[in-house]
Amino acid sequence: TVSEATVQIKIGDEIHHTVAEASGPVGALDDALRKAIAPVFPEIMEVELIDFKVRILESQHGADAIIRVQIESTDGNEIWGTVGASDNIIEATWEALVDSVEYKILLDSEKG
C-alpha cells in the first residue's frame, strides 16, 4: 500500500504546501515535511530518517495512552535523535520529525 501525506507550513511570510507518497505514513510525512522546507533550507534534503520507535506509555489507559515516538536521523555526517509524545501517534510522529529538521537547520546555522 501507498501512504500519502499533505503538509502546509509557514516559513517567514510564505506558505509552503506539499504532498508526498511513501510506503508508509511516517515516510510520507517525513518526505512531505522536507519537501515543504527545501525551497528555503535546501540542505534539509540531506536528512534521512534511520530509525523509528514507538512506545506506549501508561498502557493501562488503553486507547487514551500517551505514545512516545523516538526517531534517529542523519545528514551523512551527524546522527541525532528526537522525541515526540502525544495521545495521537501521528501528532507524536510530527513533533519528532519537526524537531529533527529544526535541529538540522540549527546545526548548519552554527557551522556558519
PDB file of N, CA and C in Angstrom:
ATOM      1  N   THR A   1       0.835  -1.192   0.000  1.00  0.00           N
ATOM      2  CA  THR A   1       0.000   0.000   0.000  1.00  0.00           C
ATOM      3  C   THR A   1       0.874   1.248   0.000  1.00  0.00           C
ATOM      4  N   VAL A   2       0.303   2.304  -0.474  1.00  0.00           N
ATOM      5  CA  VAL A   2       0.997   3.587  -0.528  1.00  0.00           C
ATOM      6  C   VAL A   2       0.286   4.563   0.395  1.00  0.00           C
ATOM      7  N   SER A   3       1.058   5.274   1.193  1.00  0.00           N
ATOM      8  CA  SER A   3       0.506   6.311   2.068  1.00  0.00           C
ATOM      9  C   SER A   3       0.827   7.671   1.480  1.00  0.00           C
ATOM     10  N   GLU A   4      -0.076   8.617   1.714  1.00  0.00           N
ATOM     11  CA  GLU A   4       0.104   9.980   1.222  1.00  0.00           C
ATOM     12  C   GLU A   4      -0.011  10.947   2.388  1.00  0.00           C
ATOM     13  N   ALA A   5       0.853  11.946   2.401  1.00  0.00           N
ATOM     14  CA  ALA A   5       0.798  12.992   3.427  1.00  0.00           C
ATOM     15  C   ALA A   5       0.791  14.349   2.749  1.00  0.00           C
ATOM     16  N   THR A   6       0.003  15.251   3.302  1.00  0.00           N
ATOM     17  CA  THR A   6      -0.059  16.630   2.837  1.00  0.00           C
ATOM     18  C   THR A   6       0.409  17.525   3.966  1.00  0.00           C
ATOM     19  N   VAL A   7       1.333  18.425   3.662  1.00  0.00           N
ATOM     20  CA  VAL A   7       1.888  19.328   4.668  1.00  0.00           C
ATOM     21  C   VAL A   7       1.760  20.757   4.170  1.00  0.00           C
ATOM     22  N   GLN A   8       1.305  21.612   5.057  1.00  0.00           N
ATOM     23  CA  GLN A   8       1.261  23.050   4.772  1.00  0.00           C
ATOM     24  C   GLN A   8       1.899  23.761   5.950  1.00  0.00           C
ATOM     25  N   ILE A   9       3.009  24.446   5.692  1.00  0.00           N
ATOM     26  CA  ILE A   9       3.707  25.157   6.759  1.00  0.00           C
ATOM     27  C   ILE A   9       4.004  26.577   6.318  1.00  0.00           C
ATOM     28  N   LYS A  10       4.180  27.438   7.305  1.00  0.00           N
ATOM     29  CA  LYS A  10       4.514  28.830   7.036  1.00  0.00           C
ATOM     30  C   LYS A  10       5.963  29.058   7.445  1.00  0.00           C
ATOM     31  N   ILE A  11       6.756  29.538   6.499  1.00  0.00           N
ATOM     32  CA  ILE A  11       8.151  29.891   6.763  1.00  0.00           C
ATOM     33  C   ILE A  11       8.280  31.363   6.423  1.00  0.00           C
ATOM     34  N   GLY A  12       8.514  32.178   7.439  1.00  0.00           N
ATOM     35  CA  GLY A  12       8.505  33.629   7.238  1.00  0.00           C
ATOM     36  C   GLY A  12       7.098  34.053   6.853  1.00  0.00           C
ATOM     37  N   ASP A  13       6.961  34.724   5.726  1.00  0.00           N
ATOM     38  CA  ASP A  13       5.642  35.153   5.253  1.00  0.00           C
ATOM     39  C   ASP A  13       5.071  34.225   4.192  1.00  0.00           C
ATOM     40  N   GLU A  14       5.806  33.181   3.841  1.00  0.00           N
ATOM     41  CA  GLU A  14       5.380  32.299   2.761  1.00  0.00           C
ATOM     42  C   GLU A  14       4.773  31.004   3.285  1.00  0.00           C
ATOM     43  N   ILE A  15       3.720  30.564   2.603  1.00  0.00           N
ATOM     44  CA  ILE A  15       3.091  29.280   2.915  1.00  0.00           C
ATOM     45  C   ILE A  15       3.603  28.264   1.898  1.00  0.00           C
ATOM     46  N   HIS A  16       4.057  27.140   2.396  1.00  0.00           N
ATOM     47  CA  HIS A  16       4.559  26.059   1.549  1.00  0.00           C
ATOM     48  C   HIS A  16       3.638  24.858   1.718  1.00  0.00           C
ATOM     49  N   HIS A  17       3.115  24.367   0.603  1.00  0.00           N
ATOM     50  CA  HIS A  17       2.160  23.258   0.599  1.00  0.00           C
ATOM     51  C   HIS A  17       2.740  22.145  -0.262  1.00  0.00           C
ATOM     52  N   THR A  18       2.889  20.951   0.314  1.00  0.00           N
ATOM     53  CA  THR A  18       3.436  19.830  -0.445  1.00  0.00           C
ATOM     54  C   THR A  18       2.675  18.554  -0.141  1.00  0.00           C
ATOM     55  N   VAL A  19       2.783  17.625  -1.063  1.00  0.00           N
ATOM     56  CA  VAL A  19       2.197  16.295  -0.924  1.00  0.00           C
ATOM     57  C   VAL A  19       3.297  15.295  -1.243  1.00  0.00           C
ATOM     58  N   ALA A  20       3.346  14.204  -0.487  1.00  0.00           N
ATOM     59  CA  ALA A  20       4.340  13.163  -0.756  1.00  0.00           C
ATOM     60  C   ALA A  20       3.716  11.792  -0.534  1.00  0.00           C
ATOM     61  N   GLU A  21       4.235  10.815  -1.247  1.00  0.00           N
ATOM     62  CA  GLU A  21       3.814   9.428  -1.090  1.00  0.00           C
ATOM     63  C   GLU A  21       5.014   8.591  -0.679  1.00  0.00           C
ATOM     64  N   ALA A  22       4.740   7.569   0.120  1.00  0.00           N
ATOM     65  CA  ALA A  22       5.781   6.627   0.533  1.00  0.00           C
ATOM     66  C   ALA A  22       5.106   5.307   0.881  1.00  0.00           C
ATOM     67  N   SER A  23       5.901   4.326   1.208  1.00  0.00           N
ATOM     68  CA  SER A  23       5.345   3.011   1.515  1.00  0.00           C
ATOM     69  C   SER A  23       4.622   2.975   2.858  1.00  0.00           C
ATOM     70  N   GLY A  24       4.814   3.990   3.691  1.00  0.00           N
ATOM     71  CA  GLY A  24       4.131   4.059   4.978  1.00  0.00           C
ATOM     72  C   GLY A  24       3.859   5.495   5.366  1.00  0.00           C
ATOM     73  N   PRO A  25       3.016   5.709   6.376  1.00  0.00           N
ATOM     74  CA  PRO A  25       2.650   7.074   6.757  1.00  0.00           C
ATOM     75  C   PRO A  25       3.804   7.900   7.311  1.00  0.00           C
ATOM     76  N   VAL A  26       4.729   7.282   8.010  1.00  0.00           N
ATOM     77  CA  VAL A  26       5.863   8.027   8.571  1.00  0.00           C
ATOM     78  C   VAL A  26       6.764   8.533   7.448  1.00  0.00           C
ATOM     79  N   GLY A  27       7.062   7.678   6.500  1.00  0.00           N
ATOM     80  CA  GLY A  27       7.879   8.085   5.359  1.00  0.00           C
ATOM     81  C   GLY A  27       7.219   9.178   4.540  1.00  0.00           C
ATOM     82  N   ALA A  28       5.898   9.063   4.352  1.00  0.00           N
ATOM     83  CA  ALA A  28       5.170  10.085   3.588  1.00  0.00           C
ATOM     84  C   ALA A  28       5.199  11.427   4.310  1.00  0.00           C
ATOM     85  N   LEU A  29       4.982  11.409   5.625  1.00  0.00           N
ATOM     86  CA  LEU A  29       5.002  12.645   6.406  1.00  0.00           C
ATOM     87  C   LEU A  29       6.403  13.260   6.407  1.00  0.00           C
ATOM     88  N   ASP A  30       7.419  12.429   6.558  1.00  0.00           N
ATOM     89  CA  ASP A  30       8.808  12.896   6.533  1.00  0.00           C
ATOM     90  C   ASP A  30       9.144  13.529   5.184  1.00  0.00           C
ATOM     91  N   ASP A  31       8.794  12.848   4.104  1.00  0.00           N
ATOM     92  CA  ASP A  31       9.082  13.376   2.763  1.00  0.00           C
ATOM     93  C   ASP A  31       8.349  14.690   2.503  1.00  0.00           C
ATOM     94  N   ALA A  32       7.074  14.755   2.888  1.00  0.00           N
ATOM     95  CA  ALA A  32       6.287  15.975   2.659  1.00  0.00           C
ATOM     96  C   ALA A  32       6.853  17.150   3.451  1.00  0.00           C
ATOM     97  N   LEU A  33       7.243  16.910   4.693  1.00  0.00           N
ATOM     98  CA  LEU A  33       7.818  17.973   5.522  1.00  0.00           C
ATOM     99  C   LEU A  33       9.116  18.493   4.905  1.00  0.00           C
ATOM    100  N   ARG A  34      10.003  17.589   4.512  1.00  0.00           N
ATOM    101  CA  ARG A  34      11.282  18.023   3.945  1.00  0.00           C
ATOM    102  C   ARG A  34      11.090  18.742   2.612  1.00  0.00           C
ATOM    103  N   LYS A  35      10.148  18.284   1.789  1.00  0.00           N
ATOM    104  CA  LYS A  35       9.857  18.973   0.523  1.00  0.00           C
ATOM    105  C   LYS A  35       9.337  20.387   0.765  1.00  0.00           C
ATOM    106  N   ALA A  36       8.532  20.556   1.803  1.00  0.00           N
ATOM    107  CA  ALA A  36       7.976  21.878   2.110  1.00  0.00           C
ATOM    108  C   ALA A  36       9.059  22.847   2.571  1.00  0.00           C
ATOM    109  N   ILE A  37      10.045  22.345   3.277  1.00  0.00           N
ATOM    110  CA  ILE A  37      11.104  23.182   3.833  1.00  0.00           C
ATOM    111  C   ILE A  37      12.236  23.428   2.829  1.00  0.00           C
ATOM    112  N   ALA A  38      12.444  22.506   1.905  1.00  0.00           N
ATOM    113  CA  ALA A  38      13.592  22.550   0.989  1.00  0.00           C
ATOM    114  C   ALA A  38      13.740  23.835   0.176  1.00  0.00           C
ATOM    115  N   PRO A  39      12.659  24.503  -0.268  1.00  0.00           N
ATOM    116  CA  PRO A  39      12.874  25.741  -1.024  1.00  0.00           C
ATOM    117  C   PRO A  39      13.609  26.825  -0.226  1.00  0.00           C
ATOM    118  N   VAL A  40      13.455  26.814   1.089  1.00  0.00           N
ATOM    119  CA  VAL A  40      14.100  27.815   1.940  1.00  0.00           C
ATOM    120  C   VAL A  40      15.394  27.269   2.549  1.00  0.00           C
ATOM    121  N   PHE A  41      15.384  25.996   2.906  1.00  0.00           N
ATOM    122  CA  PHE A  41      16.539  25.339   3.521  1.00  0.00           C
ATOM    123  C   PHE A  41      16.874  24.075   2.718  1.00  0.00           C
ATOM    124  N   PRO A  42      17.529  24.221   1.563  1.00  0.00           N
ATOM    125  CA  PRO A  42      17.770  23.060   0.693  1.00  0.00           C
ATOM    126  C   PRO A  42      18.593  21.947   1.341  1.00  0.00           C
ATOM    127  N   GLU A  43      19.403  22.301   2.324  1.00  0.00           N
ATOM    128  CA  GLU A  43      20.226  21.294   2.996  1.00  0.00           C
ATOM    129  C   GLU A  43      19.384  20.261   3.743  1.00  0.00           C
ATOM    130  N   ILE A  44      18.118  20.539   3.941  1.00  0.00           N
ATOM    131  CA  ILE A  44      17.239  19.619   4.663  1.00  0.00           C
ATOM    132  C   ILE A  44      17.047  18.319   3.886  1.00  0.00           C
ATOM    133  N   MET A  45      17.274  18.354   2.573  1.00  0.00           N
ATOM    134  CA  MET A  45      17.123  17.142   1.771  1.00  0.00           C
ATOM    135  C   MET A  45      18.248  16.139   2.038  1.00  0.00           C
ATOM    136  N   GLU A  46      19.288  16.558   2.753  1.00  0.00           N
ATOM    137  CA  GLU A  46      20.360  15.646   3.159  1.00  0.00           C
ATOM    138  C   GLU A  46      19.923  14.749   4.309  1.00  0.00           C
ATOM    139  N   VAL A  47      18.877  15.129   5.019  1.00  0.00           N
ATOM    140  CA  VAL A  47      18.452  14.411   6.216  1.00  0.00           C
ATOM    141  C   VAL A  47      17.738  13.120   5.828  1.00  0.00           C
ATOM    142  N   GLU A  48      18.105  12.058   6.528  1.00  0.00           N
ATOM    143  CA  GLU A  48      17.486  10.755   6.311  1.00  0.00           C
ATOM    144  C   GLU A  48      17.055  10.193   7.658  1.00  0.00           C
ATOM    145  N   LEU A  49      15.847   9.703   7.736  1.00  0.00           N
ATOM    146  CA  LEU A  49      15.350   9.052   8.938  1.00  0.00           C
ATOM    147  C   LEU A  49      15.924   7.637   8.951  1.00  0.00           C
ATOM    148  N   ILE A  50      16.692   7.303   9.983  1.00  0.00           N
ATOM    149  CA  ILE A  50      17.338   5.992  10.009  1.00  0.00           C
ATOM    150  C   ILE A  50      16.753   5.038  11.043  1.00  0.00           C
ATOM    151  N   ASP A  51      15.967   5.541  11.991  1.00  0.00           N
ATOM    152  CA  ASP A  51      15.326   4.655  12.966  1.00  0.00           C
ATOM    153  C   ASP A  51      14.055   5.312  13.481  1.00  0.00           C
ATOM    154  N   PHE A  52      13.053   4.497  13.750  1.00  0.00           N
ATOM    155  CA  PHE A  52      11.748   4.969  14.208  1.00  0.00           C
ATOM    156  C   PHE A  52      11.233   3.971  15.230  1.00  0.00           C
ATOM    157  N   LYS A  53      10.981   4.440  16.449  1.00  0.00           N
ATOM    158  CA  LYS A  53      10.489   3.561  17.512  1.00  0.00           C
ATOM    159  C   LYS A  53       9.256   4.179  18.150  1.00  0.00           C
ATOM    160  N   VAL A  54       8.291   3.332  18.454  1.00  0.00           N
ATOM    161  CA  VAL A  54       7.062   3.773  19.119  1.00  0.00           C
ATOM    162  C   VAL A  54       6.938   3.007  20.426  1.00  0.00           C
ATOM    163  N   ARG A  55       6.611   3.726  21.476  1.00  0.00           N
ATOM    164  CA  ARG A  55       6.398   3.097  22.781  1.00  0.00           C
ATOM    165  C   ARG A  55       5.134   3.669  23.394  1.00  0.00           C
ATOM    166  N   ILE A  56       4.318   2.794  23.933  1.00  0.00           N
ATOM    167  CA  ILE A  56       3.102   3.232  24.612  1.00  0.00           C
ATOM    168  C   ILE A  56       3.445   3.447  26.079  1.00  0.00           C
ATOM    169  N   LEU A  57       3.197   4.660  26.558  1.00  0.00           N
ATOM    170  CA  LEU A  57       3.407   4.986  27.963  1.00  0.00           C
ATOM    171  C   LEU A  57       2.062   4.871  28.662  1.00  0.00           C
ATOM    172  N   GLU A  58       2.057   4.499  29.899  1.00  0.00           N
ATOM    173  CA  GLU A  58       0.807   4.380  30.661  1.00  0.00           C
ATOM    174  C   GLU A  58      -0.186   3.476  29.935  1.00  0.00           C
ATOM    175  N   SER A  59       0.223   2.245  29.642  1.00  0.00           N
ATOM    176  CA  SER A  59      -0.595   1.333  28.841  1.00  0.00           C
ATOM    177  C   SER A  59      -1.933   0.982  29.484  1.00  0.00           C
ATOM    178  N   GLN A  60      -2.081   1.218  30.765  1.00  0.00           N
ATOM    179  CA  GLN A  60      -3.353   0.927  31.420  1.00  0.00           C
ATOM    180  C   GLN A  60      -4.477   1.840  30.938  1.00  0.00           C
ATOM    181  N   HIS A  61      -4.139   2.906  30.206  1.00  0.00           N
ATOM    182  CA  HIS A  61      -5.149   3.832  29.700  1.00  0.00           C
ATOM    183  C   HIS A  61      -5.702   3.420  28.341  1.00  0.00           C
ATOM    184  N   GLY A  62      -5.271   2.291  27.798  1.00  0.00           N
ATOM    185  CA  GLY A  62      -5.796   1.787  26.534  1.00  0.00           C
ATOM    186  C   GLY A  62      -5.615   2.760  25.391  1.00  0.00           C
ATOM    187  N   ALA A  63      -6.713   3.047  24.698  1.00  0.00           N
ATOM    188  CA  ALA A  63      -6.664   3.920  23.516  1.00  0.00           C
ATOM    189  C   ALA A  63      -6.295   5.359  23.870  1.00  0.00           C
ATOM    190  N   ASP A  64      -6.432   5.741  25.133  1.00  0.00           N
ATOM    191  CA  ASP A  64      -6.090   7.101  25.555  1.00  0.00           C
ATOM    192  C   ASP A  64      -4.646   7.216  26.055  1.00  0.00           C
ATOM    193  N   ALA A  65      -3.874   6.166  25.877  1.00  0.00           N
ATOM    194  CA  ALA A  65      -2.498   6.158  26.368  1.00  0.00           C
ATOM    195  C   ALA A  65      -1.642   7.186  25.630  1.00  0.00           C
ATOM    196  N   ILE A  66      -0.632   7.651  26.317  1.00  0.00           N
ATOM    197  CA  ILE A  66       0.344   8.548  25.696  1.00  0.00           C
ATOM    198  C   ILE A  66       1.339   7.692  24.909  1.00  0.00           C
ATOM    199  N   ILE A  67       1.607   8.116  23.694  1.00  0.00           N
ATOM    200  CA  ILE A  67       2.519   7.409  22.808  1.00  0.00           C
ATOM    201  C   ILE A  67       3.777   8.244  22.656  1.00  0.00           C
ATOM    202  N   ARG A  68       4.922   7.585  22.796  1.00  0.00           N
ATOM    203  CA  ARG A  68       6.195   8.276  22.590  1.00  0.00           C
ATOM    204  C   ARG A  68       6.821   7.757  21.299  1.00  0.00           C
ATOM    205  N   VAL A  69       7.156   8.676  20.427  1.00  0.00           N
ATOM    206  CA  VAL A  69       7.832   8.342  19.177  1.00  0.00           C
ATOM    207  C   VAL A  69       9.256   8.856  19.271  1.00  0.00           C
ATOM    208  N   GLN A  70      10.190   7.988  19.007  1.00  0.00           N
ATOM    209  CA  GLN A  70      11.602   8.352  19.034  1.00  0.00           C
ATOM    210  C   GLN A  70      12.175   8.076  17.649  1.00  0.00           C
ATOM    211  N   ILE A  71      12.780   9.099  17.038  1.00  0.00           N
ATOM    212  CA  ILE A  71      13.395   8.892  15.731  1.00  0.00           C
ATOM    213  C   ILE A  71      14.873   9.238  15.786  1.00  0.00           C
ATOM    214  N   GLU A  72      15.603   8.601  14.905  1.00  0.00           N
ATOM    215  CA  GLU A  72      17.020   8.889  14.743  1.00  0.00           C
ATOM    216  C   GLU A  72      17.212   9.323  13.296  1.00  0.00           C
ATOM    217  N   SER A  73      17.934  10.413  13.116  1.00  0.00           N
ATOM    218  CA  SER A  73      18.150  10.982  11.786  1.00  0.00           C
ATOM    219  C   SER A  73      19.631  11.202  11.555  1.00  0.00           C
ATOM    220  N   THR A  74      19.991  11.315  10.282  1.00  0.00           N
ATOM    221  CA  THR A  74      21.376  11.618   9.919  1.00  0.00           C
ATOM    222  C   THR A  74      21.403  12.512   8.688  1.00  0.00           C
ATOM    223  N   ASP A  75      22.482  13.258   8.567  1.00  0.00           N
ATOM    224  CA  ASP A  75      22.726  14.031   7.346  1.00  0.00           C
ATOM    225  C   ASP A  75      23.964  13.490   6.632  1.00  0.00           C
ATOM    226  N   GLY A  76      24.408  12.312   7.055  1.00  0.00           N
ATOM    227  CA  GLY A  76      25.605  11.702   6.487  1.00  0.00           C
ATOM    228  C   GLY A  76      26.856  12.000   7.288  1.00  0.00           C
ATOM    229  N   ASN A  77      26.803  13.035   8.124  1.00  0.00           N
ATOM    230  CA  ASN A  77      27.932  13.397   8.979  1.00  0.00           C
ATOM    231  C   ASN A  77      27.598  13.227  10.453  1.00  0.00           C
ATOM    232  N   GLU A  78      26.451  13.739  10.847  1.00  0.00           N
ATOM    233  CA  GLU A  78      25.999  13.692  12.240  1.00  0.00           C
ATOM    234  C   GLU A  78      24.798  12.743  12.349  1.00  0.00           C
ATOM    235  N   ILE A  79      24.603  12.195  13.546  1.00  0.00           N
ATOM    236  CA  ILE A  79      23.407  11.412  13.864  1.00  0.00           C
ATOM    237  C   ILE A  79      22.790  12.043  15.095  1.00  0.00           C
ATOM    238  N   TRP A  80      21.464  12.245  15.083  1.00  0.00           N
ATOM    239  CA  TRP A  80      20.790  12.825  16.233  1.00  0.00           C
ATOM    240  C   TRP A  80      19.436  12.161  16.432  1.00  0.00           C
ATOM    241  N   GLY A  81      18.945  12.275  17.655  1.00  0.00           N
ATOM    242  CA  GLY A  81      17.651  11.697  17.993  1.00  0.00           C
ATOM    243  C   GLY A  81      16.698  12.762  18.487  1.00  0.00           C
ATOM    244  N   THR A  82      15.424  12.574  18.184  1.00  0.00           N
ATOM    245  CA  THR A  82      14.374  13.473  18.661  1.00  0.00           C
ATOM    246  C   THR A  82      13.183  12.639  19.104  1.00  0.00           C
ATOM    247  N   VAL A  83      12.339  13.250  19.934  1.00  0.00           N
ATOM    248  CA  VAL A  83      11.211  12.543  20.531  1.00  0.00           C
ATOM    249  C   VAL A  83       9.956  13.389  20.418  1.00  0.00           C
ATOM    250  N   GLY A  84       8.838  12.738  20.204  1.00  0.00           N
ATOM    251  CA  GLY A  84       7.531  13.381  20.264  1.00  0.00           C
ATOM    252  C   GLY A  84       6.626  12.538  21.140  1.00  0.00           C
ATOM    253  N   ALA A  85       5.695  13.158  21.839  1.00  0.00           N
ATOM    254  CA  ALA A  85       4.774  12.418  22.696  1.00  0.00           C
ATOM    255  C   ALA A  85       3.385  13.028  22.604  1.00  0.00           C
ATOM    256  N   SER A  86       2.388  12.164  22.517  1.00  0.00           N
ATOM    257  CA  SER A  86       1.006  12.615  22.402  1.00  0.00           C
ATOM    258  C   SER A  86       0.096  11.402  22.577  1.00  0.00           C
ATOM    259  N   ASP A  87      -1.195  11.652  22.721  1.00  0.00           N
ATOM    260  CA  ASP A  87      -2.150  10.546  22.698  1.00  0.00           C
ATOM    261  C   ASP A  87      -2.527  10.194  21.254  1.00  0.00           C
ATOM    262  N   ASN A  88      -1.933  10.901  20.290  1.00  0.00           N
ATOM    263  CA  ASN A  88      -2.168  10.688  18.865  1.00  0.00           C
ATOM    264  C   ASN A  88      -0.827  10.331  18.214  1.00  0.00           C
ATOM    265  N   ILE A  89      -0.730   9.148  17.637  1.00  0.00           N
ATOM    266  CA  ILE A  89       0.551   8.686  17.089  1.00  0.00           C
ATOM    267  C   ILE A  89       1.054   9.567  15.947  1.00  0.00           C
ATOM    268  N   ILE A  90       0.150  10.102  15.135  1.00  0.00           N
ATOM    269  CA  ILE A  90       0.574  10.980  14.038  1.00  0.00           C
ATOM    270  C   ILE A  90       1.130  12.286  14.598  1.00  0.00           C
ATOM    271  N   GLU A  91       0.475  12.831  15.617  1.00  0.00           N
ATOM    272  CA  GLU A  91       0.963  14.068  16.240  1.00  0.00           C
ATOM    273  C   GLU A  91       2.325  13.851  16.899  1.00  0.00           C
ATOM    274  N   ALA A  92       2.493  12.724  17.583  1.00  0.00           N
ATOM    275  CA  ALA A  92       3.780  12.422  18.216  1.00  0.00           C
ATOM    276  C   ALA A  92       4.875  12.275  17.157  1.00  0.00           C
ATOM    277  N   THR A  93       4.541  11.632  16.049  1.00  0.00           N
ATOM    278  CA  THR A  93       5.492  11.480  14.948  1.00  0.00           C
ATOM    279  C   THR A  93       5.848  12.839  14.359  1.00  0.00           C
ATOM    280  N   TRP A  94       4.836  13.680  14.151  1.00  0.00           N
ATOM    281  CA  TRP A  94       5.049  15.025  13.605  1.00  0.00           C
ATOM    282  C   TRP A  94       5.997  15.822  14.497  1.00  0.00           C
ATOM    283  N   GLU A  95       5.773  15.782  15.816  1.00  0.00           N
ATOM    284  CA  GLU A  95       6.638  16.511  16.753  1.00  0.00           C
ATOM    285  C   GLU A  95       8.096  16.070  16.609  1.00  0.00           C
ATOM    286  N   ALA A  96       8.312  14.762  16.544  1.00  0.00           N
ATOM    287  CA  ALA A  96       9.678  14.249  16.432  1.00  0.00           C
ATOM    288  C   ALA A  96      10.310  14.644  15.096  1.00  0.00           C
ATOM    289  N   LEU A  97       9.538  14.588  14.011  1.00  0.00           N
ATOM    290  CA  LEU A  97      10.061  14.965  12.694  1.00  0.00           C
ATOM    291  C   LEU A  97      10.402  16.453  12.627  1.00  0.00           C
ATOM    292  N   VAL A  98       9.518  17.293  13.140  1.00  0.00           N
ATOM    293  CA  VAL A  98       9.766  18.743  13.129  1.00  0.00           C
ATOM    294  C   VAL A  98      11.003  19.066  13.957  1.00  0.00           C
ATOM    295  N   ASP A  99      11.121  18.462  15.126  1.00  0.00           N
ATOM    296  CA  ASP A  99      12.313  18.699  15.947  1.00  0.00           C
ATOM    297  C   ASP A  99      13.582  18.266  15.215  1.00  0.00           C
ATOM    298  N   SER A 100      13.493  17.185  14.458  1.00  0.00           N
ATOM    299  CA  SER A 100      14.653  16.703  13.717  1.00  0.00           C
ATOM    300  C   SER A 100      15.102  17.696  12.649  1.00  0.00           C
ATOM    301  N   VAL A 101      14.165  18.220  11.857  1.00  0.00           N
ATOM    302  CA  VAL A 101      14.561  19.170  10.810  1.00  0.00           C
ATOM    303  C   VAL A 101      14.990  20.503  11.416  1.00  0.00           C
ATOM    304  N   GLU A 102      14.351  20.916  12.511  1.00  0.00           N
ATOM    305  CA  GLU A 102      14.782  22.142  13.187  1.00  0.00           C
ATOM    306  C   GLU A 102      16.211  21.989  13.715  1.00  0.00           C
ATOM    307  N   TYR A 103      16.523  20.813  14.239  1.00  0.00           N
ATOM    308  CA  TYR A 103      17.878  20.572  14.732  1.00  0.00           C
ATOM    309  C   TYR A 103      18.890  20.674  13.592  1.00  0.00           C
ATOM    310  N   LYS A 104      18.568  20.092  12.438  1.00  0.00           N
ATOM    311  CA  LYS A 104      19.468  20.158  11.279  1.00  0.00           C
ATOM    312  C   LYS A 104      19.697  21.607  10.850  1.00  0.00           C
ATOM    313  N   ILE A 105      18.637  22.394  10.805  1.00  0.00           N
ATOM    314  CA  ILE A 105      18.768  23.805  10.421  1.00  0.00           C
ATOM    315  C   ILE A 105      19.648  24.546  11.430  1.00  0.00           C
ATOM    316  N   LEU A 106      19.432  24.302  12.714  1.00  0.00           N
ATOM    317  CA  LEU A 106      20.244  24.917  13.764  1.00  0.00           C
ATOM    318  C   LEU A 106      21.703  24.471  13.663  1.00  0.00           C
ATOM    319  N   LEU A 107      21.910  23.190  13.447  1.00  0.00           N
ATOM    320  CA  LEU A 107      23.259  22.643  13.317  1.00  0.00           C
ATOM    321  C   LEU A 107      24.011  23.329  12.179  1.00  0.00           C
ATOM    322  N   ASP A 108      23.363  23.470  11.038  1.00  0.00           N
ATOM    323  CA  ASP A 108      24.004  24.109   9.885  1.00  0.00           C
ATOM    324  C   ASP A 108      24.235  25.601  10.108  1.00  0.00           C
ATOM    325  N   SER A 109      23.321  26.269  10.814  1.00  0.00           N
ATOM    326  CA  SER A 109      23.497  27.706  11.057  1.00  0.00           C
ATOM    327  C   SER A 109      24.672  27.966  11.996  1.00  0.00           C
ATOM    328  N   GLU A 110      24.934  27.044  12.914  1.00  0.00           N
ATOM    329  CA  GLU A 110      26.071  27.194  13.824  1.00  0.00           C
ATOM    330  C   GLU A 110      27.397  26.942  13.120  1.00  0.00           C
ATOM    331  N   LYS A 111      27.371  26.133  12.059  1.00  0.00           N
ATOM    332  CA  LYS A 111      28.593  25.858  11.291  1.00  0.00           C
ATOM    333  C   LYS A 111      28.960  27.046  10.420  1.00  0.00           C
ATOM    334  N   GLY A 112      27.945  27.856  10.112  1.00  0.00           N
ATOM    335  CA  GLY A 112      28.140  29.079   9.516  1.00  0.00           C
ATOM    336  C   GLY A 112      28.351  29.463   8.177  1.00  0.00           C
TER     337      GLY A 112
END
